[in-house]
Amino acid sequence: MNMKALDYTALTLVVIGAINWGLIGFFQFDLVATLFGGMNSWISRIIYALVGISGIYTLTLYGKIDNSMVVGNQH
């Protein structure tokens, strides 16, 4: 898997995690647990772990941000 695909996969998992946390915060509804058999099911735990690893991985994306992407940056 190339780095761009890994970046998009990680970002997708982070977005899924953010949506799930939003649902928990606003509605006390855990979508991952509902879809995959409860918070303690092995598949839910794998998804939670992948989301967590993706969150850590996406910290590396800060180093990839190019200064030319900043609005108003004139070269």
N, C-alpha and C. Protein backbone atom coordinates (compact mmCIF):
# COMPACT_ATOMS: atom_id res chain seq x y z
N MET A 1 0.86 -1.17 0.00
CA MET A 1 0.00 0.00 0.00
C MET A 1 0.91 1.23 0.00
N ASN A 2 0.66 2.14 -0.93
CA ASN A 2 1.49 3.34 -0.98
C ASN A 2 1.07 4.30 0.13
N MET A 3 1.90 5.31 0.37
CA MET A 3 1.67 6.22 1.49
C MET A 3 0.39 7.03 1.33
N LYS A 4 0.06 7.40 0.09
CA LYS A 4 -1.15 8.19 -0.13
C LYS A 4 -2.39 7.36 0.24
N ALA A 5 -2.41 6.11 -0.15
CA ALA A 5 -3.53 5.24 0.20
C ALA A 5 -3.61 5.03 1.71
N LEU A 6 -2.45 4.88 2.35
CA LEU A 6 -2.42 4.73 3.80
C LEU A 6 -2.94 6.01 4.48
N ASP A 7 -2.55 7.16 3.96
CA ASP A 7 -3.04 8.43 4.51
C ASP A 7 -4.56 8.52 4.42
N TYR A 8 -5.11 8.20 3.26
CA TYR A 8 -6.56 8.27 3.08
C TYR A 8 -7.29 7.24 3.95
N THR A 9 -6.73 6.06 4.07
CA THR A 9 -7.34 5.03 4.92
C THR A 9 -7.35 5.49 6.37
N ALA A 10 -6.21 6.01 6.82
CA ALA A 10 -6.12 6.49 8.21
C ALA A 10 -7.09 7.65 8.44
N LEU A 11 -7.14 8.59 7.51
CA LEU A 11 -8.06 9.72 7.67
C LEU A 11 -9.52 9.26 7.69
N THR A 12 -9.85 8.29 6.87
CA THR A 12 -11.21 7.75 6.85
C THR A 12 -11.56 7.13 8.20
N LEU A 13 -10.64 6.36 8.76
CA LEU A 13 -10.89 5.74 10.06
C LEU A 13 -11.00 6.79 11.16
N VAL A 14 -10.20 7.84 11.08
CA VAL A 14 -10.29 8.92 12.07
C VAL A 14 -11.64 9.63 11.97
N VAL A 15 -12.12 9.85 10.75
CA VAL A 15 -13.44 10.47 10.57
C VAL A 15 -14.54 9.57 11.15
N ILE A 16 -14.44 8.28 10.89
CA ILE A 16 -15.41 7.33 11.47
C ILE A 16 -15.39 7.42 12.99
N GLY A 17 -14.19 7.46 13.55
CA GLY A 17 -14.06 7.59 15.00
C GLY A 17 -14.64 8.89 15.52
N ALA A 18 -14.40 9.98 14.80
CA ALA A 18 -14.92 11.28 15.22
C ALA A 18 -16.45 11.29 15.17
N ILE A 19 -17.02 10.72 14.14
CA ILE A 19 -18.48 10.64 14.04
C ILE A 19 -19.03 9.80 15.18
N ASN A 20 -18.37 8.67 15.45
CA ASN A 20 -18.83 7.80 16.53
C ASN A 20 -18.76 8.52 17.88
N TRP A 21 -17.66 9.25 18.13
CA TRP A 21 -17.55 10.00 19.38
C TRP A 21 -18.59 11.11 19.45
N GLY A 22 -18.89 11.74 18.33
CA GLY A 22 -19.94 12.75 18.31
C GLY A 22 -21.30 12.15 18.67
N LEU A 23 -21.59 10.99 18.11
CA LEU A 23 -22.85 10.31 18.43
C LEU A 23 -22.91 9.93 19.91
N ILE A 24 -21.79 9.48 20.45
CA ILE A 24 -21.75 9.13 21.87
C ILE A 24 -21.97 10.39 22.72
N GLY A 25 -21.29 11.47 22.36
CA GLY A 25 -21.39 12.70 23.14
C GLY A 25 -22.76 13.34 23.09
N PHE A 26 -23.36 13.37 21.92
CA PHE A 26 -24.64 14.05 21.78
C PHE A 26 -25.84 13.16 22.12
N PHE A 27 -25.76 11.88 21.78
CA PHE A 27 -26.94 11.02 21.88
C PHE A 27 -26.73 9.76 22.71
N GLN A 28 -25.54 9.59 23.30
CA GLN A 28 -25.21 8.37 24.05
C GLN A 28 -25.47 7.13 23.20
N PHE A 29 -25.07 7.21 21.94
CA PHE A 29 -25.28 6.13 20.99
C PHE A 29 -23.95 5.75 20.35
N ASP A 30 -23.50 4.53 20.59
CA ASP A 30 -22.24 4.03 20.04
C ASP A 30 -22.56 3.23 18.78
N LEU A 31 -22.36 3.86 17.63
CA LEU A 31 -22.69 3.24 16.34
C LEU A 31 -21.86 1.99 16.08
N VAL A 32 -20.57 2.04 16.38
CA VAL A 32 -19.70 0.88 16.16
C VAL A 32 -20.19 -0.31 16.98
N ALA A 33 -20.48 -0.08 18.25
CA ALA A 33 -20.96 -1.16 19.11
C ALA A 33 -22.30 -1.69 18.62
N THR A 34 -23.17 -0.80 18.16
CA THR A 34 -24.48 -1.22 17.66
C THR A 34 -24.35 -2.09 16.41
N LEU A 35 -23.46 -1.68 15.50
CA LEU A 35 -23.32 -2.41 14.24
C LEU A 35 -22.58 -3.74 14.38
N PHE A 36 -21.68 -3.81 15.36
CA PHE A 36 -20.79 -4.97 15.41
C PHE A 36 -20.90 -5.77 16.69
N GLY A 37 -22.03 -5.71 17.37
CA GLY A 37 -22.30 -6.65 18.46
C GLY A 37 -21.85 -6.24 19.84
N GLY A 38 -21.84 -4.98 20.13
CA GLY A 38 -21.49 -4.53 21.47
C GLY A 38 -20.06 -4.06 21.58
N MET A 39 -19.81 -3.32 22.64
CA MET A 39 -18.50 -2.71 22.84
C MET A 39 -17.41 -3.76 23.09
N ASN A 40 -17.77 -4.89 23.62
CA ASN A 40 -16.78 -5.91 23.96
C ASN A 40 -16.61 -6.99 22.91
N SER A 41 -17.33 -6.91 21.79
CA SER A 41 -17.14 -7.91 20.74
C SER A 41 -15.77 -7.72 20.11
N TRP A 42 -15.21 -8.80 19.62
CA TRP A 42 -13.84 -8.73 19.08
C TRP A 42 -13.76 -7.82 17.87
N ILE A 43 -14.79 -7.80 17.02
CA ILE A 43 -14.73 -6.95 15.83
C ILE A 43 -14.83 -5.47 16.21
N SER A 44 -15.66 -5.14 17.21
CA SER A 44 -15.73 -3.75 17.67
C SER A 44 -14.39 -3.32 18.24
N ARG A 45 -13.77 -4.19 19.01
CA ARG A 45 -12.48 -3.85 19.62
C ARG A 45 -11.41 -3.66 18.55
N ILE A 46 -11.47 -4.44 17.47
CA ILE A 46 -10.52 -4.26 16.37
C ILE A 46 -10.74 -2.90 15.72
N ILE A 47 -12.00 -2.54 15.49
CA ILE A 47 -12.31 -1.24 14.88
C ILE A 47 -11.84 -0.11 15.79
N TYR A 48 -12.12 -0.21 17.08
CA TYR A 48 -11.66 0.82 18.01
C TYR A 48 -10.13 0.93 17.97
N ALA A 49 -9.44 -0.21 17.94
CA ALA A 49 -7.98 -0.21 17.90
C ALA A 49 -7.46 0.42 16.61
N LEU A 50 -8.08 0.08 15.47
CA LEU A 50 -7.66 0.66 14.20
C LEU A 50 -7.88 2.16 14.16
N VAL A 51 -8.99 2.61 14.73
CA VAL A 51 -9.26 4.05 14.79
C VAL A 51 -8.20 4.73 15.66
N GLY A 52 -7.86 4.12 16.78
CA GLY A 52 -6.83 4.68 17.65
C GLY A 52 -5.47 4.74 16.99
N ILE A 53 -5.08 3.66 16.33
CA ILE A 53 -3.80 3.64 15.61
C ILE A 53 -3.80 4.67 14.49
N SER A 54 -4.94 4.79 13.81
CA SER A 54 -5.05 5.78 12.73
C SER A 54 -4.91 7.20 13.27
N GLY A 55 -5.48 7.45 14.43
CA GLY A 55 -5.34 8.77 15.04
C GLY A 55 -3.90 9.10 15.34
N ILE A 56 -3.17 8.13 15.85
CA ILE A 56 -1.75 8.34 16.11
C ILE A 56 -0.99 8.54 14.81
N TYR A 57 -1.30 7.72 13.81
CA TYR A 57 -0.63 7.85 12.51
C TYR A 57 -0.89 9.21 11.87
N THR A 58 -2.11 9.72 11.98
CA THR A 58 -2.42 10.99 11.32
C THR A 58 -1.67 12.17 11.94
N LEU A 59 -1.10 11.98 13.12
CA LEU A 59 -0.23 13.02 13.67
C LEU A 59 0.95 13.28 12.74
N THR A 60 1.38 12.27 12.00
CA THR A 60 2.49 12.45 11.07
C THR A 60 2.11 13.33 9.89
N LEU A 61 0.81 13.48 9.63
CA LEU A 61 0.37 14.31 8.52
C LEU A 61 0.68 15.78 8.75
N TYR A 62 0.81 16.18 10.00
CA TYR A 62 1.20 17.57 10.28
C TYR A 62 2.55 17.89 9.65
N GLY A 63 3.44 16.93 9.63
CA GLY A 63 4.74 17.14 9.02
C GLY A 63 4.69 17.18 7.51
N LYS A 64 3.60 16.71 6.93
CA LYS A 64 3.46 16.67 5.47
C LYS A 64 2.76 17.91 4.91
N ILE A 65 2.24 18.75 5.79
CA ILE A 65 1.53 19.94 5.33
C ILE A 65 2.55 20.89 4.71
N ASP A 66 2.29 21.27 3.49
CA ASP A 66 3.18 22.15 2.76
C ASP A 66 2.78 23.60 3.02
N ASN A 67 3.76 24.46 3.18
CA ASN A 67 3.47 25.87 3.45
C ASN A 67 2.66 26.51 2.32
N SER A 68 2.73 25.98 1.13
CA SER A 68 1.97 26.56 0.01
C SER A 68 0.48 26.31 0.17
N MET A 69 0.10 25.41 1.05
CA MET A 69 -1.30 25.12 1.26
C MET A 69 -1.94 26.17 2.17
N VAL A 70 -1.15 26.95 2.87
CA VAL A 70 -1.66 27.96 3.78
C VAL A 70 -2.27 29.10 2.96
N VAL A 71 -3.50 29.46 3.29
CA VAL A 71 -4.20 30.52 2.55
C VAL A 71 -3.46 31.84 2.76
N GLY A 72 -3.25 32.56 1.69
CA GLY A 72 -2.61 33.87 1.77
C GLY A 72 -1.10 33.82 1.74
N ASN A 73 -0.52 32.65 1.61
CA ASN A 73 0.93 32.54 1.56
C ASN A 73 1.39 32.90 0.16
N GLN A 74 2.08 34.02 0.02
CA GLN A 74 2.55 34.49 -1.28
C GLN A 74 4.01 34.10 -1.47
N HIS A 75 4.35 33.47 -2.59
CA HIS A 75 5.74 33.12 -2.90
C HIS A 75 6.26 34.03 -3.97
